Structure formats: structure tokens, C-alpha cells
């Protein structure tokens, strides 16, 4: 792994509050090669939520929301694994809401 990756998650930039552990869980899903947190935006969101936004050329884009902020998260996933990874994230997301 390159120098900024730890437990499959790129750690060069900041995470939303409470996002680090869920990203480590996502990185453990078979087929997920890299988890790359993106830009953080302010918003009026309340609570914590992670959902799959769309497919990208290299994998999936997630949107994470946490008390007043939103962060994009990009996953590198092979095309054949994307649907399975998406379902697994949706299942885990229900647990993170609790």
C-alpha cells in the first residue's frame, strides 16, 4: 500500500466525525481495493448516514453525512464486484444508523 493508506483507507486528508470506523469496515469488503475520502462540504444534514451515490469509471462513489457536513468517498472496485459491494454497504449502513 502507498504511504498514506492504513487499513485500506487513504488518510492524507480529514474525515467527517464518526466516519473512520465505517470506512475501515468498507475496506474489508471483498472486492474493495481502495477507499479514498474526498472533499468535505457544509450542509444542513443531521445524524449520520452513508449511501452509495453512483458508479464511477473505477468503482463507486459514496456520500457520507454527519451533523452539518457531507463528504464524498470514492471506492476502487472491479466492475464484476460493484453490485455485491453496493448491497453489502447498504446492509452495513443500516447498522451505522442505529
N, C-alpha and C. Protein backbone atom coordinates (compact mmCIF):
# COMPACT_ATOMS: atom_id res chain seq x y z
N UNK A 1 0.84 -1.19 0.00
CA UNK A 1 0.00 0.00 0.00
C UNK A 1 0.89 1.25 0.00
N UNK A 2 0.45 2.28 -0.73
CA UNK A 2 1.19 3.56 -0.69
C UNK A 2 1.22 4.13 0.73
N UNK A 3 2.05 5.13 0.95
CA UNK A 3 2.33 5.58 2.31
C UNK A 3 1.14 6.18 3.06
N UNK A 4 0.15 6.75 2.38
CA UNK A 4 -0.98 7.38 3.06
C UNK A 4 -2.13 6.42 3.36
N UNK A 5 -1.98 5.14 3.01
CA UNK A 5 -3.04 4.17 3.24
C UNK A 5 -2.78 3.38 4.52
N UNK A 6 -3.84 3.23 5.32
CA UNK A 6 -3.76 2.42 6.54
C UNK A 6 -5.10 1.68 6.65
N UNK A 7 -5.05 0.37 6.81
CA UNK A 7 -6.25 -0.47 6.87
C UNK A 7 -7.13 -0.26 5.64
N UNK A 8 -6.49 -0.04 4.48
CA UNK A 8 -7.22 0.08 3.22
C UNK A 8 -7.84 1.44 2.95
N UNK A 9 -7.65 2.41 3.86
CA UNK A 9 -8.27 3.72 3.75
C UNK A 9 -7.19 4.79 3.59
N UNK A 10 -7.35 5.66 2.60
CA UNK A 10 -6.39 6.75 2.42
C UNK A 10 -6.57 7.76 3.55
N UNK A 11 -5.48 8.14 4.19
CA UNK A 11 -5.54 9.01 5.38
C UNK A 11 -4.71 10.28 5.19
N UNK A 12 -4.69 10.79 3.99
CA UNK A 12 -3.94 12.02 3.73
C UNK A 12 -4.74 13.26 4.15
N UNK A 13 -6.06 13.15 4.17
CA UNK A 13 -6.92 14.29 4.49
C UNK A 13 -7.85 13.94 5.65
N UNK A 14 -8.75 14.84 5.98
CA UNK A 14 -9.64 14.67 7.12
C UNK A 14 -10.86 13.81 6.79
N UNK A 15 -11.50 13.29 7.87
CA UNK A 15 -12.74 12.53 7.77
C UNK A 15 -13.82 13.29 8.52
N UNK A 16 -15.06 13.03 8.16
CA UNK A 16 -16.17 13.51 8.97
C UNK A 16 -16.13 12.80 10.32
N UNK A 17 -16.73 13.42 11.31
CA UNK A 17 -16.81 12.81 12.64
C UNK A 17 -17.56 11.47 12.55
N UNK A 18 -16.96 10.41 13.06
CA UNK A 18 -17.59 9.10 13.08
C UNK A 18 -17.44 8.30 11.80
N UNK A 19 -16.66 8.79 10.84
CA UNK A 19 -16.58 8.11 9.53
C UNK A 19 -15.43 7.12 9.44
N UNK A 20 -14.42 7.26 10.27
CA UNK A 20 -13.22 6.43 10.14
C UNK A 20 -13.50 4.93 10.27
N UNK A 21 -14.22 4.52 11.32
CA UNK A 21 -14.50 3.09 11.53
C UNK A 21 -15.36 2.50 10.41
N UNK A 22 -16.46 3.17 9.99
CA UNK A 22 -17.22 2.63 8.86
C UNK A 22 -16.38 2.48 7.58
N UNK A 23 -15.46 3.41 7.33
CA UNK A 23 -14.62 3.28 6.14
C UNK A 23 -13.68 2.09 6.25
N UNK A 24 -13.20 1.81 7.45
CA UNK A 24 -12.36 0.63 7.65
C UNK A 24 -13.16 -0.64 7.41
N UNK A 25 -14.44 -0.65 7.83
CA UNK A 25 -15.30 -1.81 7.56
C UNK A 25 -15.53 -1.98 6.07
N UNK A 26 -15.77 -0.88 5.37
CA UNK A 26 -15.97 -0.93 3.92
C UNK A 26 -14.72 -1.47 3.24
N UNK A 27 -13.54 -1.06 3.70
CA UNK A 27 -12.28 -1.51 3.10
C UNK A 27 -12.09 -3.02 3.24
N UNK A 28 -12.74 -3.64 4.23
CA UNK A 28 -12.62 -5.09 4.45
C UNK A 28 -13.54 -5.90 3.54
N UNK A 29 -14.49 -5.25 2.87
CA UNK A 29 -15.41 -5.97 1.98
C UNK A 29 -14.61 -6.54 0.82
N UNK A 30 -14.73 -7.84 0.55
CA UNK A 30 -14.01 -8.43 -0.59
C UNK A 30 -14.37 -7.71 -1.89
N UNK A 31 -13.35 -7.34 -2.64
CA UNK A 31 -13.56 -6.64 -3.91
C UNK A 31 -13.26 -5.16 -3.83
N UNK A 32 -13.24 -4.60 -2.63
CA UNK A 32 -12.89 -3.18 -2.46
C UNK A 32 -11.38 -3.08 -2.40
N UNK A 33 -10.79 -2.39 -3.38
CA UNK A 33 -9.34 -2.27 -3.44
C UNK A 33 -8.82 -1.07 -2.68
N UNK A 34 -9.52 0.07 -2.80
CA UNK A 34 -9.10 1.29 -2.11
C UNK A 34 -10.33 2.07 -1.67
N UNK A 35 -10.18 2.79 -0.55
CA UNK A 35 -11.20 3.71 -0.05
C UNK A 35 -10.53 5.08 0.01
N UNK A 36 -11.07 6.04 -0.74
CA UNK A 36 -10.44 7.35 -0.85
C UNK A 36 -11.43 8.43 -0.45
N UNK A 37 -11.29 9.00 0.75
CA UNK A 37 -12.18 10.08 1.17
C UNK A 37 -11.93 11.31 0.31
N UNK A 38 -13.01 12.00 -0.03
CA UNK A 38 -12.91 13.19 -0.87
C UNK A 38 -13.18 14.46 -0.08
N UNK A 39 -13.66 15.43 -0.80
CA UNK A 39 -13.89 16.76 -0.27
C UNK A 39 -15.03 16.79 0.75
N UNK A 40 -14.92 17.68 1.73
CA UNK A 40 -15.96 17.86 2.74
C UNK A 40 -16.69 19.16 2.44
N UNK A 41 -18.03 19.10 2.47
CA UNK A 41 -18.88 20.26 2.23
C UNK A 41 -19.73 20.51 3.47
N UNK A 42 -20.13 21.76 3.67
CA UNK A 42 -21.08 22.02 4.75
C UNK A 42 -22.49 21.78 4.24
N UNK A 43 -23.38 21.40 5.15
CA UNK A 43 -24.78 21.16 4.78
C UNK A 43 -25.64 21.30 6.03
N UNK A 44 -26.92 21.11 5.85
CA UNK A 44 -27.81 21.17 7.00
C UNK A 44 -28.22 19.78 7.47
N UNK A 45 -27.42 18.77 7.13
CA UNK A 45 -27.75 17.39 7.49
C UNK A 45 -27.64 17.18 9.00
N UNK A 46 -28.45 16.27 9.51
CA UNK A 46 -28.42 15.88 10.91
C UNK A 46 -28.28 14.36 10.99
N UNK A 47 -27.58 13.89 12.00
CA UNK A 47 -27.38 12.46 12.14
C UNK A 47 -26.24 11.96 11.28
N UNK A 48 -26.12 10.65 11.20
CA UNK A 48 -25.03 10.02 10.44
C UNK A 48 -25.62 9.09 9.40
N UNK A 49 -25.10 9.17 8.17
CA UNK A 49 -25.61 8.32 7.08
C UNK A 49 -24.53 8.14 6.04
N UNK A 50 -24.46 6.94 5.48
CA UNK A 50 -23.59 6.67 4.33
C UNK A 50 -24.45 5.96 3.30
N UNK A 51 -24.38 6.43 2.05
CA UNK A 51 -25.12 5.74 0.99
C UNK A 51 -24.33 5.76 -0.30
N UNK A 52 -24.60 4.79 -1.15
CA UNK A 52 -23.95 4.71 -2.45
C UNK A 52 -24.65 5.72 -3.36
N UNK A 53 -23.87 6.60 -3.95
CA UNK A 53 -24.41 7.65 -4.80
C UNK A 53 -24.53 7.18 -6.25
N UNK A 54 -23.41 6.66 -6.79
CA UNK A 54 -23.42 6.23 -8.19
C UNK A 54 -22.17 5.42 -8.50
N UNK A 55 -22.15 4.85 -9.70
CA UNK A 55 -20.95 4.18 -10.19
C UNK A 55 -20.04 5.21 -10.82
N UNK A 56 -18.75 4.96 -10.75
CA UNK A 56 -17.76 5.80 -11.43
C UNK A 56 -16.99 4.91 -12.40
N UNK A 57 -16.05 5.48 -13.11
CA UNK A 57 -15.24 4.68 -14.04
C UNK A 57 -14.43 3.61 -13.31
N UNK A 58 -13.99 3.92 -12.09
CA UNK A 58 -13.13 2.99 -11.36
C UNK A 58 -13.82 2.25 -10.23
N UNK A 59 -15.09 2.57 -9.95
CA UNK A 59 -15.76 1.89 -8.85
C UNK A 59 -17.06 2.54 -8.46
N UNK A 60 -17.15 2.97 -7.19
CA UNK A 60 -18.38 3.55 -6.65
C UNK A 60 -18.08 4.86 -5.94
N UNK A 61 -19.08 5.74 -5.94
CA UNK A 61 -19.00 6.97 -5.17
C UNK A 61 -20.02 6.89 -4.05
N UNK A 62 -19.57 7.18 -2.82
CA UNK A 62 -20.45 7.20 -1.67
C UNK A 62 -20.61 8.63 -1.19
N UNK A 63 -21.71 8.90 -0.51
CA UNK A 63 -21.92 10.18 0.15
C UNK A 63 -22.12 9.90 1.63
N UNK A 64 -21.28 10.51 2.45
CA UNK A 64 -21.38 10.36 3.90
C UNK A 64 -21.85 11.68 4.49
N UNK A 65 -22.84 11.60 5.39
CA UNK A 65 -23.37 12.80 6.05
C UNK A 65 -23.20 12.65 7.55
N UNK A 66 -22.79 13.76 8.18
CA UNK A 66 -22.62 13.75 9.63
C UNK A 66 -22.78 15.16 10.17
N UNK A 67 -23.85 15.40 10.92
CA UNK A 67 -24.11 16.66 11.61
C UNK A 67 -23.51 17.91 10.97
N UNK A 68 -24.12 18.38 9.92
CA UNK A 68 -23.73 19.64 9.31
C UNK A 68 -22.67 19.56 8.22
N UNK A 69 -22.26 18.35 7.85
CA UNK A 69 -21.25 18.19 6.82
C UNK A 69 -21.55 16.99 5.93
N UNK A 70 -21.04 17.05 4.72
CA UNK A 70 -21.17 15.96 3.75
C UNK A 70 -19.79 15.71 3.16
N UNK A 71 -19.44 14.43 2.98
CA UNK A 71 -18.15 14.09 2.39
C UNK A 71 -18.34 13.03 1.31
N UNK A 72 -17.70 13.26 0.17
CA UNK A 72 -17.66 12.26 -0.89
C UNK A 72 -16.61 11.22 -0.52
N UNK A 73 -16.89 9.96 -0.84
CA UNK A 73 -15.92 8.88 -0.62
C UNK A 73 -15.91 8.04 -1.89
N UNK A 74 -14.73 7.79 -2.42
CA UNK A 74 -14.60 7.03 -3.66
C UNK A 74 -14.01 5.66 -3.35
N UNK A 75 -14.58 4.64 -3.97
CA UNK A 75 -14.10 3.27 -3.81
C UNK A 75 -13.57 2.78 -5.14
N UNK A 76 -12.43 2.12 -5.12
CA UNK A 76 -11.92 1.44 -6.30
C UNK A 76 -12.39 0.00 -6.20
N UNK A 77 -13.25 -0.40 -7.16
CA UNK A 77 -13.87 -1.72 -7.15
C UNK A 77 -13.95 -2.22 -8.59
N UNK A 78 -13.58 -3.49 -8.83
CA UNK A 78 -13.73 -4.06 -10.17
C UNK A 78 -15.20 -4.09 -10.56
N UNK A 79 -15.45 -3.95 -11.86
CA UNK A 79 -16.82 -3.90 -12.39
C UNK A 79 -17.65 -5.10 -11.96
N UNK A 80 -17.06 -6.29 -11.96
CA UNK A 80 -17.80 -7.51 -11.62
C UNK A 80 -18.24 -7.56 -10.15
N UNK A 81 -17.57 -6.81 -9.29
CA UNK A 81 -17.86 -6.84 -7.85
C UNK A 81 -18.76 -5.70 -7.39
N UNK A 82 -19.04 -4.73 -8.22
CA UNK A 82 -19.71 -3.50 -7.78
C UNK A 82 -21.09 -3.72 -7.19
N UNK A 83 -21.91 -4.54 -7.81
CA UNK A 83 -23.28 -4.74 -7.32
C UNK A 83 -23.26 -5.41 -5.94
N UNK A 84 -22.40 -6.39 -5.78
CA UNK A 84 -22.29 -7.09 -4.49
C UNK A 84 -21.77 -6.14 -3.41
N UNK A 85 -20.77 -5.34 -3.73
CA UNK A 85 -20.22 -4.38 -2.77
C UNK A 85 -21.28 -3.35 -2.39
N UNK A 86 -22.05 -2.90 -3.38
CA UNK A 86 -23.12 -1.92 -3.12
C UNK A 86 -24.14 -2.49 -2.13
N UNK A 87 -24.56 -3.74 -2.35
CA UNK A 87 -25.52 -4.37 -1.44
C UNK A 87 -24.95 -4.51 -0.03
N UNK A 88 -23.68 -4.87 0.06
CA UNK A 88 -23.03 -5.04 1.36
C UNK A 88 -22.96 -3.70 2.11
N UNK A 89 -22.65 -2.63 1.40
CA UNK A 89 -22.60 -1.30 2.03
C UNK A 89 -23.98 -0.89 2.50
N UNK A 90 -25.00 -1.14 1.69
CA UNK A 90 -26.37 -0.80 2.09
C UNK A 90 -26.78 -1.55 3.35
N UNK A 91 -26.35 -2.80 3.47
CA UNK A 91 -26.65 -3.61 4.66
C UNK A 91 -25.92 -3.03 5.88
N UNK A 92 -24.64 -2.70 5.72
CA UNK A 92 -23.87 -2.12 6.82
C UNK A 92 -24.40 -0.74 7.23
N UNK A 93 -24.87 0.02 6.25
CA UNK A 93 -25.38 1.38 6.52
C UNK A 93 -26.56 1.35 7.49
N UNK A 94 -27.35 0.30 7.44
CA UNK A 94 -28.48 0.18 8.38
C UNK A 94 -27.96 0.05 9.81
N UNK A 95 -26.87 -0.65 10.01
CA UNK A 95 -26.27 -0.81 11.34
C UNK A 95 -25.67 0.51 11.83
N UNK A 96 -25.07 1.28 10.93
CA UNK A 96 -24.41 2.54 11.32
C UNK A 96 -25.42 3.60 11.73
N UNK A 97 -26.64 3.50 11.22
CA UNK A 97 -27.69 4.47 11.59
C UNK A 97 -28.15 4.31 13.02
N UNK A 98 -28.01 3.09 13.55
CA UNK A 98 -28.52 2.79 14.90
C UNK A 98 -27.74 3.49 15.99
